[in-house]
N, C-alpha and C. Protein backbone atom coordinates (compact mmCIF):
# COMPACT_ATOMS: atom_id res chain seq x y z
N MET A 1 -20.94 159.00 53.45
CA MET A 1 -22.31 159.00 53.20
C MET A 1 -22.99 158.93 54.54
N LYS A 2 -24.03 159.94 54.92
CA LYS A 2 -24.47 160.09 56.02
C LYS A 2 -26.36 160.36 55.81
N PRO A 3 -26.93 158.91 56.52
CA PRO A 3 -28.27 159.20 56.22
C PRO A 3 -28.73 160.48 56.85
N VAL A 4 -29.97 161.08 56.49
CA VAL A 4 -30.58 162.10 57.50
C VAL A 4 -32.26 162.00 56.89
N PHE A 5 -32.93 162.73 57.69
CA PHE A 5 -34.33 162.21 57.66
C PHE A 5 -35.06 163.28 56.58
N ALA A 6 -35.51 162.64 55.37
CA ALA A 6 -36.14 164.05 54.35
C ALA A 6 -37.31 164.53 55.17
N THR A 7 -37.41 165.55 54.26
CA THR A 7 -38.74 166.63 54.40
C THR A 7 -39.30 166.45 53.47
N LYS A 8 -40.78 167.43 53.74
CA LYS A 8 -41.76 167.26 52.50
C LYS A 8 -41.12 168.17 51.49
N GLU A 9 -40.32 169.02 51.45
CA GLU A 9 -39.82 169.68 50.72
C GLU A 9 -38.55 168.85 49.49
N ASP A 10 -38.64 167.51 49.95
CA ASP A 10 -37.79 166.61 49.46
C ASP A 10 -38.62 165.83 48.38
N LEU A 11 -39.81 165.78 48.77
CA LEU A 11 -40.95 164.85 48.02
C LEU A 11 -40.90 164.76 46.71
N GLN A 12 -40.71 165.80 46.18
CA GLN A 12 -41.02 165.62 44.34
C GLN A 12 -39.55 164.93 43.93
N SER A 13 -38.50 165.63 44.35
CA SER A 13 -37.27 164.90 43.84
C SER A 13 -37.27 163.62 44.13
N LEU A 14 -37.52 162.95 45.29
CA LEU A 14 -37.50 161.55 45.70
C LEU A 14 -38.32 160.71 44.65
N LEU A 15 -39.69 161.64 44.67
CA LEU A 15 -40.74 160.59 43.62
C LEU A 15 -40.01 160.57 42.36
N ASP A 16 -39.18 161.51 41.86
CA ASP A 16 -38.52 161.53 40.48
C ASP A 16 -37.63 160.35 40.41
N TRP A 17 -36.91 160.14 41.57
CA TRP A 17 -35.74 159.52 41.48
C TRP A 17 -36.20 157.77 41.80
N CYS A 18 -37.12 157.80 42.37
CA CYS A 18 -37.61 156.10 42.50
C CYS A 18 -39.01 156.34 41.39
N LYS A 19 -38.76 156.58 40.23
CA LYS A 19 -40.20 156.68 39.36
C LYS A 19 -40.22 155.28 38.76
N ASP A 20 -39.11 154.19 38.72
CA ASP A 20 -39.35 153.37 38.27
C ASP A 20 -39.63 152.14 39.17
N ALA A 21 -40.18 152.48 40.09
CA ALA A 21 -41.13 151.58 41.46
C ALA A 21 -42.14 152.44 41.82
N PRO A 22 -42.97 152.18 41.10
CA PRO A 22 -44.56 152.71 41.35
C PRO A 22 -44.94 152.34 42.50
N GLU A 23 -44.80 151.20 43.16
CA GLU A 23 -45.32 150.75 44.51
C GLU A 23 -44.97 151.48 45.40
N TYR A 24 -43.23 151.91 45.41
CA TYR A 24 -42.36 152.62 46.53
C TYR A 24 -43.11 153.97 46.04
N GLN A 25 -42.98 154.52 45.11
CA GLN A 25 -43.68 155.79 45.04
C GLN A 25 -45.02 156.17 45.60
N LYS A 26 -45.63 154.99 45.41
CA LYS A 26 -47.36 155.32 46.15
C LYS A 26 -47.44 155.64 47.72
N SER A 27 -46.12 154.66 48.26
CA SER A 27 -45.96 154.82 49.85
C SER A 27 -45.21 155.95 50.20
N LEU A 28 -44.34 156.52 49.45
CA LEU A 28 -43.21 157.49 49.68
C LEU A 28 -44.10 158.62 50.33
N SER A 29 -45.28 159.09 49.80
CA SER A 29 -46.24 160.46 49.85
C SER A 29 -46.48 160.20 51.54
N THR A 30 -47.10 159.36 51.89
CA THR A 30 -47.95 158.89 52.90
C THR A 30 -46.72 158.61 54.19
N TYR A 31 -45.52 158.16 53.81
CA TYR A 31 -44.27 158.05 54.98
C TYR A 31 -44.02 159.31 55.26
N ILE A 32 -43.82 160.30 54.43
CA ILE A 32 -43.12 161.61 54.79
C ILE A 32 -43.89 162.60 54.90
N GLU A 33 -45.10 162.26 55.68
CA GLU A 33 -46.18 162.91 56.40
C GLU A 33 -45.64 163.56 57.82
N ASP A 34 -46.03 164.32 58.54
CA ASP A 34 -45.69 164.34 59.69
C ASP A 34 -46.37 163.80 60.82
N ARG A 35 -45.83 162.76 60.91
CA ARG A 35 -46.52 161.69 61.84
C ARG A 35 -45.13 161.26 62.74
N ASP A 36 -45.79 160.67 63.67
CA ASP A 36 -44.71 160.00 64.80
C ASP A 36 -44.18 158.62 64.52
N ASP A 37 -44.99 157.57 63.61
CA ASP A 37 -44.80 156.32 63.45
C ASP A 37 -44.41 156.07 62.18
N THR A 38 -44.24 157.06 61.37
CA THR A 38 -43.37 156.94 60.24
C THR A 38 -42.13 158.15 59.65
N ALA A 39 -41.29 157.76 58.99
CA ALA A 39 -40.10 158.34 58.72
C ALA A 39 -39.72 158.00 57.26
N VAL A 40 -38.88 158.81 56.78
CA VAL A 40 -38.09 158.68 55.29
C VAL A 40 -36.59 158.91 55.63
N VAL A 41 -35.83 158.36 55.37
CA VAL A 41 -34.25 158.42 55.32
C VAL A 41 -33.70 158.25 54.16
N ILE A 42 -33.01 159.29 53.88
CA ILE A 42 -32.24 159.30 52.71
C ILE A 42 -30.58 159.45 52.56
N LEU A 43 -30.16 158.54 52.19
CA LEU A 43 -28.46 158.27 52.05
C LEU A 43 -27.94 159.39 50.85
N LYS A 44 -27.20 160.19 50.63
CA LYS A 44 -26.44 160.71 49.51
C LYS A 44 -24.98 160.27 49.56
N ASP A 45 -24.44 160.26 48.12
CA ASP A 45 -23.23 160.14 48.00
C ASP A 45 -22.92 161.48 47.41
N GLY A 46 -22.46 162.10 48.22
CA GLY A 46 -22.15 163.39 47.54
C GLY A 46 -23.43 164.39 47.19
N THR A 47 -23.94 164.47 46.21
CA THR A 47 -24.83 165.34 45.59
C THR A 47 -25.88 164.27 45.11
N GLU A 48 -25.46 162.96 44.90
CA GLU A 48 -26.43 162.10 44.08
C GLU A 48 -26.76 161.28 45.55
N LEU A 49 -28.26 160.75 45.24
CA LEU A 49 -29.15 159.91 45.95
C LEU A 49 -28.94 159.11 45.82
N ALA A 50 -28.51 158.13 47.18
CA ALA A 50 -27.96 156.64 47.05
C ALA A 50 -28.86 155.85 47.41
N ALA A 51 -29.99 155.78 48.44
CA ALA A 51 -31.21 155.03 48.74
C ALA A 51 -32.03 155.72 49.60
N ILE A 52 -32.92 155.42 49.47
CA ILE A 52 -34.13 156.06 50.21
C ILE A 52 -34.72 154.74 51.27
N GLY A 53 -35.00 155.12 52.58
CA GLY A 53 -35.58 154.48 53.37
C GLY A 53 -37.15 154.58 53.92
N LEU A 54 -38.07 153.66 53.88
CA LEU A 54 -39.39 154.04 54.53
C LEU A 54 -39.42 153.50 55.95
N LEU A 55 -39.41 153.97 56.93
CA LEU A 55 -39.59 153.58 58.00
C LEU A 55 -41.14 153.65 58.99
N LYS A 56 -41.34 152.43 59.24
CA LYS A 56 -42.77 152.45 59.86
C LYS A 56 -42.71 151.59 61.80
N VAL A 57 -43.27 152.42 62.29
CA VAL A 57 -43.31 151.82 63.67
C VAL A 57 -44.76 151.42 64.25
N MET A 58 -44.89 150.08 64.69
CA MET A 58 -46.29 149.86 65.21
C MET A 58 -45.91 149.70 66.80
N THR A 59 -46.23 150.60 67.35
CA THR A 59 -45.42 150.72 68.79
C THR A 59 -46.82 149.49 69.79
N THR A 60 -47.72 149.36 69.28
CA THR A 60 -48.54 148.46 70.10
C THR A 60 -48.32 146.77 70.15
N GLU A 61 -47.94 146.68 68.79
CA GLU A 61 -47.19 145.49 68.64
C GLU A 61 -45.41 145.36 68.74
N LYS A 62 -44.83 146.48 69.17
CA LYS A 62 -43.34 146.82 69.44
C LYS A 62 -42.78 146.08 68.08
N THR A 63 -43.17 146.39 67.00
CA THR A 63 -42.79 145.73 65.77
C THR A 63 -42.14 147.03 65.07
N GLY A 64 -41.14 147.03 63.94
CA GLY A 64 -41.17 148.12 62.91
C GLY A 64 -40.66 147.44 61.52
N SER A 65 -40.74 148.54 60.75
CA SER A 65 -40.32 147.92 59.40
C SER A 65 -39.38 148.92 58.55
N ILE A 66 -38.38 148.49 57.69
CA ILE A 66 -37.43 149.50 56.79
C ILE A 66 -37.86 148.91 55.29
N TRP A 67 -38.48 149.84 54.82
CA TRP A 67 -38.21 149.67 53.18
C TRP A 67 -37.64 150.35 52.36
N LEU A 68 -36.38 149.49 52.30
CA LEU A 68 -35.34 150.18 51.38
C LEU A 68 -35.05 150.09 50.12
N TYR A 69 -35.21 151.33 49.37
CA TYR A 69 -35.02 151.40 47.80
C TYR A 69 -33.69 151.99 47.12
N THR A 70 -32.87 151.28 46.33
CA THR A 70 -31.51 151.55 46.08
C THR A 70 -31.84 151.36 44.29
N LYS A 71 -30.94 152.07 43.53
CA LYS A 71 -31.04 151.65 42.17
C LYS A 71 -30.19 150.38 42.14
N ASN A 72 -28.90 150.66 42.87
CA ASN A 72 -27.92 149.41 42.85
C ASN A 72 -28.36 148.41 43.87
N PRO A 73 -28.96 147.35 43.57
CA PRO A 73 -29.16 146.37 44.30
C PRO A 73 -28.05 145.46 44.97
N LYS A 74 -26.85 145.79 44.40
CA LYS A 74 -25.82 144.91 44.88
C LYS A 74 -25.01 145.69 46.03
N GLN A 75 -25.35 147.32 46.22
CA GLN A 75 -24.62 148.00 47.24
C GLN A 75 -25.52 147.70 48.68
N ASN A 76 -24.61 147.56 49.59
CA ASN A 76 -25.74 147.56 51.31
C ASN A 76 -25.05 148.60 51.73
N HIS A 77 -25.95 149.11 52.63
CA HIS A 77 -25.98 150.54 53.26
C HIS A 77 -25.97 150.60 54.66
N PRO A 78 -24.76 149.94 55.14
CA PRO A 78 -24.93 149.47 56.93
C PRO A 78 -25.30 150.84 57.62
N GLU A 79 -24.76 152.06 56.93
CA GLU A 79 -24.92 153.40 58.15
C GLU A 79 -26.51 153.73 58.04
N MET A 80 -27.10 153.15 56.90
CA MET A 80 -28.37 153.71 56.62
C MET A 80 -29.22 152.55 57.64
N MET A 81 -28.61 151.44 57.54
CA MET A 81 -29.52 150.38 58.50
C MET A 81 -29.15 150.28 59.91
N GLN A 82 -28.28 151.29 60.44
CA GLN A 82 -27.91 151.58 61.54
C GLN A 82 -28.88 152.79 61.98
N PHE A 83 -28.78 153.81 61.22
CA PHE A 83 -29.59 154.93 61.35
C PHE A 83 -30.96 154.52 61.68
N SER A 84 -31.62 154.08 61.03
CA SER A 84 -32.84 153.48 60.63
C SER A 84 -33.39 152.43 62.08
N LEU A 85 -32.55 151.52 62.29
CA LEU A 85 -32.91 150.83 63.48
C LEU A 85 -32.81 151.72 64.92
N LYS A 86 -32.01 152.64 64.79
CA LYS A 86 -31.81 153.53 66.22
C LYS A 86 -33.19 154.13 66.13
N TRP A 87 -33.59 154.51 64.98
CA TRP A 87 -35.05 155.24 65.13
C TRP A 87 -36.18 154.56 65.57
N LEU A 88 -36.09 153.17 65.26
CA LEU A 88 -37.24 152.19 65.49
C LEU A 88 -37.40 151.78 66.77
N ARG A 89 -35.80 151.60 67.45
CA ARG A 89 -35.40 151.36 68.56
C ARG A 89 -36.01 152.80 69.72
N GLN A 90 -35.81 153.64 69.23
CA GLN A 90 -36.49 154.70 69.78
C GLN A 90 -37.71 154.94 70.43
N LYS A 91 -38.32 154.70 69.24
CA LYS A 91 -39.96 154.47 68.72
C LYS A 91 -40.82 153.26 69.47
N GLY A 92 -39.84 152.27 70.07
CA GLY A 92 -40.33 151.46 70.81
C GLY A 92 -40.39 150.26 70.09
N ALA A 93 -39.83 149.65 68.99
CA ALA A 93 -39.74 148.83 68.34
C ALA A 93 -38.80 147.55 68.85
N LYS A 94 -39.13 146.46 69.30
CA LYS A 94 -38.19 145.61 69.70
C LYS A 94 -37.62 144.55 68.41
N ASP A 95 -38.83 144.12 67.41
CA ASP A 95 -38.23 143.34 66.17
C ASP A 95 -38.69 144.19 64.88
N TYR A 96 -37.80 144.06 63.94
CA TYR A 96 -38.18 144.71 62.89
C TYR A 96 -37.88 143.99 61.71
N THR A 97 -38.71 144.12 60.48
CA THR A 97 -38.56 143.68 59.25
C THR A 97 -38.17 144.55 58.06
N VAL A 98 -37.09 143.81 57.17
CA VAL A 98 -36.24 144.87 56.34
C VAL A 98 -37.08 144.36 54.67
N VAL A 99 -37.51 145.43 54.09
CA VAL A 99 -38.20 144.97 52.90
C VAL A 99 -37.26 145.44 51.72
């Protein structure tokens, strides 16, 4: 499984995939906008979506957050976490929170 950044073209399929988490759905469309301080990362297991991560960096505070959503909470996704942390660090975050 390899994490990649989602694009605006992925938005509808991502919204459908996380339809059982409305609070996550609401944030998803704002995070996928073309902005410097947010990103959406997706992790696929073959052709199936395994997880979505919403990343946000607050450069003035040098902090960041990762909001991970997966249908199977027993799974952890270290490759997604490493990918996300690398992006946050590149954007200037020194501390981070995982939700």
